[in-house]
Amino acid sequence: MQLCSDDKSTRGCGDGCINRASRYQCAAESYPCGERCSNRQLQVGSTITTAVVDCGRRGVGVILLEPVDTGRYIGEYVGEVITCREAHERALKYHHEKHSYMLQVCASEVIDATRIGSQMRFVNHGCGPNCLVEKWCVRGRERCGLFAARQIRAGDELTFDYQLHCFSIRTIECL
């Protein structure tokens, strides 16, 4: 069981939160600061406004419609959770398609957002990415969120480094 203490600030569970440091999200009903807890981003959801747009040669991508500060939660990468074996089989099946939407969650699970997923599946690869994918434990399950790696302006395209994060049988080039 993870321990968390109320830092008595107005937002609860600040940077000193043991759960936050361990990437475990708090359960509001189990901790002293309750609903004030700011360490529940994936459970509460994002309020950041984004849009899926045509990015030319890169296909579609996601842009911000408002500025975002470093460290801010942008959105969750969701889809069908499958085994690594199933992911390899699907990668072979999908290899003729232009894009891959699979993201490895842990050693045994992969999120396949090919058929169903959030806007975050359209975030493109970047060699100098402005986002990071972070794995968090939420009520016993691994979940992946996109967080701002630096300040991002409204209108900027979101990117993250696909290295070791996606299943693909082709090389992903930096554009």
C-alpha atoms as a PDB file:
ATOM      1  CA  MET A   1       0.000   0.000   0.000  1.00  0.00           C
ATOM      2  CA  GLN A   2       1.326   3.416  -0.920  1.00  0.00           C
ATOM      3  CA  LEU A   3       1.390   6.144   1.693  1.00  0.00           C
ATOM      4  CA  CYS A   4       0.472   9.736   1.065  1.00  0.00           C
ATOM      5  CA  SER A   5       0.158  12.672   3.403  1.00  0.00           C
ATOM      6  CA  ASP A   6      -1.828  15.863   3.056  1.00  0.00           C
ATOM      7  CA  ASP A   7       0.629  18.725   2.616  1.00  0.00           C
ATOM      8  CA  LYS A   8      -2.137  21.133   3.767  1.00  0.00           C
ATOM      9  CA  SER A   9      -1.918  23.122   0.546  1.00  0.00           C
ATOM     10  CA  THR A  10      -5.063  24.010  -1.333  1.00  0.00           C
ATOM     11  CA  ARG A  11      -4.364  21.399  -3.998  1.00  0.00           C
ATOM     12  CA  GLY A  12      -3.340  18.548  -1.679  1.00  0.00           C
ATOM     13  CA  CYS A  13      -0.690  15.905  -2.479  1.00  0.00           C
ATOM     14  CA  GLY A  14       2.085  18.156  -3.728  1.00  0.00           C
ATOM     15  CA  ASP A  15       5.536  17.361  -5.041  1.00  0.00           C
ATOM     16  CA  GLY A  16       6.465  15.670  -1.745  1.00  0.00           C
ATOM     17  CA  CYS A  17       3.769  13.010  -2.178  1.00  0.00           C
ATOM     18  CA  ILE A  18       5.341   9.536  -1.972  1.00  0.00           C
ATOM     19  CA  ASN A  19       2.752   8.184  -4.408  1.00  0.00           C
ATOM     20  CA  ARG A  20       3.534  10.874  -6.990  1.00  0.00           C
ATOM     21  CA  ALA A  21       7.281  10.180  -6.723  1.00  0.00           C
ATOM     22  CA  SER A  22       6.562   6.462  -7.312  1.00  0.00           C
ATOM     23  CA  ARG A  23       4.071   7.160 -10.145  1.00  0.00           C
ATOM     24  CA  TYR A  24       1.141   5.734  -8.191  1.00  0.00           C
ATOM     25  CA  GLN A  25      -2.016   7.798  -8.423  1.00  0.00           C
ATOM     26  CA  CYS A  26      -3.893   8.403  -5.198  1.00  0.00           C
ATOM     27  CA  ALA A  27      -7.431   7.160  -4.598  1.00  0.00           C
ATOM     28  CA  ALA A  28      -9.432  10.136  -3.292  1.00  0.00           C
ATOM     29  CA  GLU A  29     -11.413   8.039  -0.817  1.00  0.00           C
ATOM     30  CA  SER A  30      -8.269   6.543   0.752  1.00  0.00           C
ATOM     31  CA  TYR A  31      -6.124   9.583   1.473  1.00  0.00           C
ATOM     32  CA  PRO A  32      -6.347  12.560   3.837  1.00  0.00           C
ATOM     33  CA  CYS A  33      -6.680  15.297   1.207  1.00  0.00           C
ATOM     34  CA  GLY A  34      -9.502  13.471  -0.637  1.00  0.00           C
ATOM     35  CA  GLU A  35     -10.923  15.345  -3.631  1.00  0.00           C
ATOM     36  CA  ARG A  36      -8.294  18.109  -3.279  1.00  0.00           C
ATOM     37  CA  CYS A  37      -5.596  15.627  -4.326  1.00  0.00           C
ATOM     38  CA  SER A  38      -3.739  16.738  -7.454  1.00  0.00           C
ATOM     39  CA  ASN A  39      -2.171  13.297  -7.949  1.00  0.00           C
ATOM     40  CA  ARG A  40      -5.146  11.815  -9.810  1.00  0.00           C
ATOM     41  CA  GLN A  41      -4.656  13.194 -13.345  1.00  0.00           C
ATOM     42  CA  LEU A  42      -5.497  10.024 -15.268  1.00  0.00           C
ATOM     43  CA  GLN A  43      -8.551   9.362 -13.081  1.00  0.00           C
ATOM     44  CA  VAL A  44      -9.932  12.892 -13.375  1.00  0.00           C
ATOM     45  CA  GLY A  45      -9.026  13.392 -17.046  1.00  0.00           C
ATOM     46  CA  SER A  46      -7.475  16.260 -18.932  1.00  0.00           C
ATOM     47  CA  THR A  47      -8.970  19.682 -19.476  1.00  0.00           C
ATOM     48  CA  ILE A  48      -6.434  20.525 -22.203  1.00  0.00           C
ATOM     49  CA  THR A  49      -8.038  21.315 -25.561  1.00  0.00           C
ATOM     50  CA  THR A  50      -6.456  19.545 -28.550  1.00  0.00           C
ATOM     51  CA  ALA A  51      -7.364  18.943 -32.180  1.00  0.00           C
ATOM     52  CA  VAL A  52      -6.494  16.262 -34.730  1.00  0.00           C
ATOM     53  CA  VAL A  53      -5.195  17.955 -37.890  1.00  0.00           C
ATOM     54  CA  ASP A  54      -3.638  17.062 -41.250  1.00  0.00           C
ATOM     55  CA  CYS A  55       0.151  17.214 -40.927  1.00  0.00           C
ATOM     56  CA  GLY A  56       0.962  16.572 -44.582  1.00  0.00           C
ATOM     57  CA  ARG A  57       3.549  13.848 -45.095  1.00  0.00           C
ATOM     58  CA  ARG A  58       3.298  12.851 -41.424  1.00  0.00           C
ATOM     59  CA  GLY A  59      -0.397  12.009 -41.827  1.00  0.00           C
ATOM     60  CA  VAL A  60      -2.607  13.311 -39.072  1.00  0.00           C
ATOM     61  CA  GLY A  61      -1.282  14.761 -35.853  1.00  0.00           C
ATOM     62  CA  VAL A  62      -2.458  16.459 -32.695  1.00  0.00           C
ATOM     63  CA  ILE A  63      -2.044  20.160 -31.921  1.00  0.00           C
ATOM     64  CA  LEU A  64      -2.714  22.122 -28.764  1.00  0.00           C
ATOM     65  CA  LEU A  65      -5.419  24.768 -28.838  1.00  0.00           C
ATOM     66  CA  GLU A  66      -4.026  26.410 -25.685  1.00  0.00           C
ATOM     67  CA  PRO A  67      -0.551  26.818 -24.157  1.00  0.00           C
ATOM     68  CA  VAL A  68       0.661  24.185 -21.680  1.00  0.00           C
ATOM     69  CA  ASP A  69       3.350  24.372 -18.987  1.00  0.00           C
ATOM     70  CA  THR A  70       6.109  21.817 -18.425  1.00  0.00           C
ATOM     71  CA  GLY A  71       4.899  18.708 -16.597  1.00  0.00           C
ATOM     72  CA  ARG A  72       1.214  19.262 -17.349  1.00  0.00           C
ATOM     73  CA  TYR A  73      -0.909  16.200 -18.075  1.00  0.00           C
ATOM     74  CA  ILE A  74      -2.253  16.396 -21.648  1.00  0.00           C
ATOM     75  CA  GLY A  75      -4.143  13.150 -22.210  1.00  0.00           C
ATOM     76  CA  GLU A  76      -4.228   9.385 -21.857  1.00  0.00           C
ATOM     77  CA  TYR A  77      -3.135   6.918 -24.527  1.00  0.00           C
ATOM     78  CA  VAL A  78      -6.020   4.428 -24.558  1.00  0.00           C
ATOM     79  CA  GLY A  79      -7.029   1.473 -26.690  1.00  0.00           C
ATOM     80  CA  GLU A  80      -7.425  -2.271 -26.530  1.00  0.00           C
ATOM     81  CA  VAL A  81      -5.061  -3.889 -23.982  1.00  0.00           C
ATOM     82  CA  ILE A  82      -3.534  -7.031 -25.505  1.00  0.00           C
ATOM     83  CA  THR A  83      -0.652  -9.427 -24.819  1.00  0.00           C
ATOM     84  CA  CYS A  84       2.757  -9.006 -26.431  1.00  0.00           C
ATOM     85  CA  ARG A  85       2.164 -12.157 -28.456  1.00  0.00           C
ATOM     86  CA  GLU A  86      -1.081 -10.730 -29.864  1.00  0.00           C
ATOM     87  CA  ALA A  87       0.716  -7.429 -30.536  1.00  0.00           C
ATOM     88  CA  HIS A  88       3.352  -9.180 -32.650  1.00  0.00           C
ATOM     89  CA  GLU A  89       0.642 -11.010 -34.611  1.00  0.00           C
ATOM     90  CA  ARG A  90      -1.216  -7.753 -35.204  1.00  0.00           C
ATOM     91  CA  ALA A  91       1.984  -5.932 -36.197  1.00  0.00           C
ATOM     92  CA  LEU A  92       2.438  -8.485 -38.973  1.00  0.00           C
ATOM     93  CA  LYS A  93      -1.179  -7.985 -40.012  1.00  0.00           C
ATOM     94  CA  TYR A  94      -0.868  -4.175 -39.913  1.00  0.00           C
ATOM     95  CA  HIS A  95       2.520  -3.935 -41.661  1.00  0.00           C
ATOM     96  CA  HIS A  96       0.972  -2.763 -44.955  1.00  0.00           C
ATOM     97  CA  GLU A  97      -0.746   0.137 -43.212  1.00  0.00           C
ATOM     98  CA  LYS A  98       1.027   3.474 -43.077  1.00  0.00           C
ATOM     99  CA  HIS A  99       0.721   4.003 -39.317  1.00  0.00           C
ATOM    100  CA  SER A 100       1.124   1.988 -36.128  1.00  0.00           C
ATOM    101  CA  TYR A 101      -0.899   2.718 -33.003  1.00  0.00           C
ATOM    102  CA  MET A 102       0.573   0.207 -30.538  1.00  0.00           C
ATOM    103  CA  LEU A 103       2.267   1.271 -27.328  1.00  0.00           C
ATOM    104  CA  GLN A 104       3.869  -1.112 -24.830  1.00  0.00           C
ATOM    105  CA  VAL A 105       2.534  -0.609 -21.298  1.00  0.00           C
ATOM    106  CA  CYS A 106       4.639  -3.166 -19.439  1.00  0.00           C
ATOM    107  CA  ALA A 107       6.549  -6.372 -20.127  1.00  0.00           C
ATOM    108  CA  SER A 108       3.368  -8.332 -20.850  1.00  0.00           C
ATOM    109  CA  GLU A 109       0.813  -5.785 -22.120  1.00  0.00           C
ATOM    110  CA  VAL A 110       0.456  -3.512 -25.137  1.00  0.00           C
ATOM    111  CA  ILE A 111      -2.164  -0.875 -25.914  1.00  0.00           C
ATOM    112  CA  ASP A 112      -3.437  -1.275 -29.483  1.00  0.00           C
ATOM    113  CA  ALA A 113      -5.261   1.911 -30.435  1.00  0.00           C
ATOM    114  CA  THR A 114      -5.652   0.939 -34.105  1.00  0.00           C
ATOM    115  CA  ARG A 115      -9.394   0.233 -33.936  1.00  0.00           C
ATOM    116  CA  ILE A 116     -10.394   2.328 -30.936  1.00  0.00           C
ATOM    117  CA  GLY A 117      -8.530   4.938 -28.928  1.00  0.00           C
ATOM    118  CA  SER A 118      -8.202   8.537 -27.858  1.00  0.00           C
ATOM    119  CA  GLN A 119      -6.803  11.490 -29.809  1.00  0.00           C
ATOM    120  CA  MET A 120      -3.417  10.738 -28.238  1.00  0.00           C
ATOM    121  CA  ARG A 121      -2.948   7.831 -30.666  1.00  0.00           C
ATOM    122  CA  PHE A 122      -2.430  10.424 -33.409  1.00  0.00           C
ATOM    123  CA  VAL A 123       0.514  12.116 -31.672  1.00  0.00           C
ATOM    124  CA  ASN A 124       3.464  11.804 -34.061  1.00  0.00           C
ATOM    125  CA  HIS A 125       7.071  10.807 -33.413  1.00  0.00           C
ATOM    126  CA  GLY A 126       9.609  13.534 -32.845  1.00  0.00           C
ATOM    127  CA  CYS A 127      13.373  13.374 -32.309  1.00  0.00           C
ATOM    128  CA  GLY A 128      13.132  16.486 -30.136  1.00  0.00           C
ATOM    129  CA  PRO A 129       9.729  15.682 -28.606  1.00  0.00           C
ATOM    130  CA  ASN A 130       7.682  18.142 -26.586  1.00  0.00           C
ATOM    131  CA  CYS A 131       5.849  15.346 -24.708  1.00  0.00           C
ATOM    132  CA  LEU A 132       6.786  12.338 -22.620  1.00  0.00           C
ATOM    133  CA  VAL A 133       4.809   9.134 -22.168  1.00  0.00           C
ATOM    134  CA  GLU A 134       4.655   8.209 -18.488  1.00  0.00           C
ATOM    135  CA  LYS A 135       3.372   4.945 -17.074  1.00  0.00           C
ATOM    136  CA  TRP A 136       1.354   5.336 -13.874  1.00  0.00           C
ATOM    137  CA  CYS A 137      -0.259   2.775 -11.612  1.00  0.00           C
ATOM    138  CA  VAL A 138      -3.934   3.674 -11.197  1.00  0.00           C
ATOM    139  CA  ARG A 139      -5.945   1.425  -8.881  1.00  0.00           C
ATOM    140  CA  GLY A 140      -3.653  -1.509  -9.650  1.00  0.00           C
ATOM    141  CA  ARG A 141      -3.533  -1.039 -13.459  1.00  0.00           C
ATOM    142  CA  GLU A 142      -0.744   0.433 -15.584  1.00  0.00           C
ATOM    143  CA  ARG A 143      -1.959   3.413 -17.617  1.00  0.00           C
ATOM    144  CA  CYS A 144      -0.069   5.714 -19.988  1.00  0.00           C
ATOM    145  CA  GLY A 145      -0.399   9.466 -20.070  1.00  0.00           C
ATOM    146  CA  LEU A 146       1.193  12.147 -22.221  1.00  0.00           C
ATOM    147  CA  PHE A 147       2.819  14.952 -20.245  1.00  0.00           C
ATOM    148  CA  ALA A 148       4.440  18.157 -21.500  1.00  0.00           C
ATOM    149  CA  ALA A 149       8.240  17.770 -21.554  1.00  0.00           C
ATOM    150  CA  ARG A 150       8.563  21.548 -21.854  1.00  0.00           C
ATOM    151  CA  GLN A 151       6.335  24.567 -22.349  1.00  0.00           C
ATOM    152  CA  ILE A 152       4.236  24.107 -25.471  1.00  0.00           C
ATOM    153  CA  ARG A 153       2.504  26.942 -27.316  1.00  0.00           C
ATOM    154  CA  ALA A 154      -1.034  26.908 -28.662  1.00  0.00           C
ATOM    155  CA  GLY A 155      -0.932  25.643 -32.259  1.00  0.00           C
ATOM    156  CA  ASP A 156       2.173  23.482 -31.753  1.00  0.00           C
ATOM    157  CA  GLU A 157       2.031  19.853 -32.846  1.00  0.00           C
ATOM    158  CA  LEU A 158       2.461  17.322 -30.031  1.00  0.00           C
ATOM    159  CA  THR A 159       5.253  14.752 -30.438  1.00  0.00           C
ATOM    160  CA  PHE A 160       6.877  12.032 -28.366  1.00  0.00           C
ATOM    161  CA  ASP A 161       9.822   9.717 -28.984  1.00  0.00           C
ATOM    162  CA  TYR A 162       8.476   6.347 -30.168  1.00  0.00           C
ATOM    163  CA  GLN A 163      11.773   4.622 -29.294  1.00  0.00           C
ATOM    164  CA  LEU A 164      10.961   1.508 -27.246  1.00  0.00           C
ATOM    165  CA  HIS A 165       7.331   2.598 -27.028  1.00  0.00           C
ATOM    166  CA  CYS A 166       5.714   1.251 -30.183  1.00  0.00           C
ATOM    167  CA  PHE A 167       5.419  -2.013 -32.065  1.00  0.00           C
ATOM    168  CA  SER A 168       6.445  -1.546 -35.658  1.00  0.00           C
ATOM    169  CA  ILE A 169       8.382  -3.641 -38.138  1.00  0.00           C
ATOM    170  CA  ARG A 170       9.605  -0.606 -40.054  1.00  0.00           C
ATOM    171  CA  THR A 171      12.039   2.084 -38.973  1.00  0.00           C
ATOM    172  CA  ILE A 172      10.503   5.358 -37.884  1.00  0.00           C
ATOM    173  CA  GLU A 173      12.341   8.311 -39.357  1.00  0.00           C
ATOM    174  CA  CYS A 174      12.682  11.737 -37.818  1.00  0.00           C
ATOM    175  CA  LEU A 175      10.894  14.332 -39.894  1.00  0.00           C
END
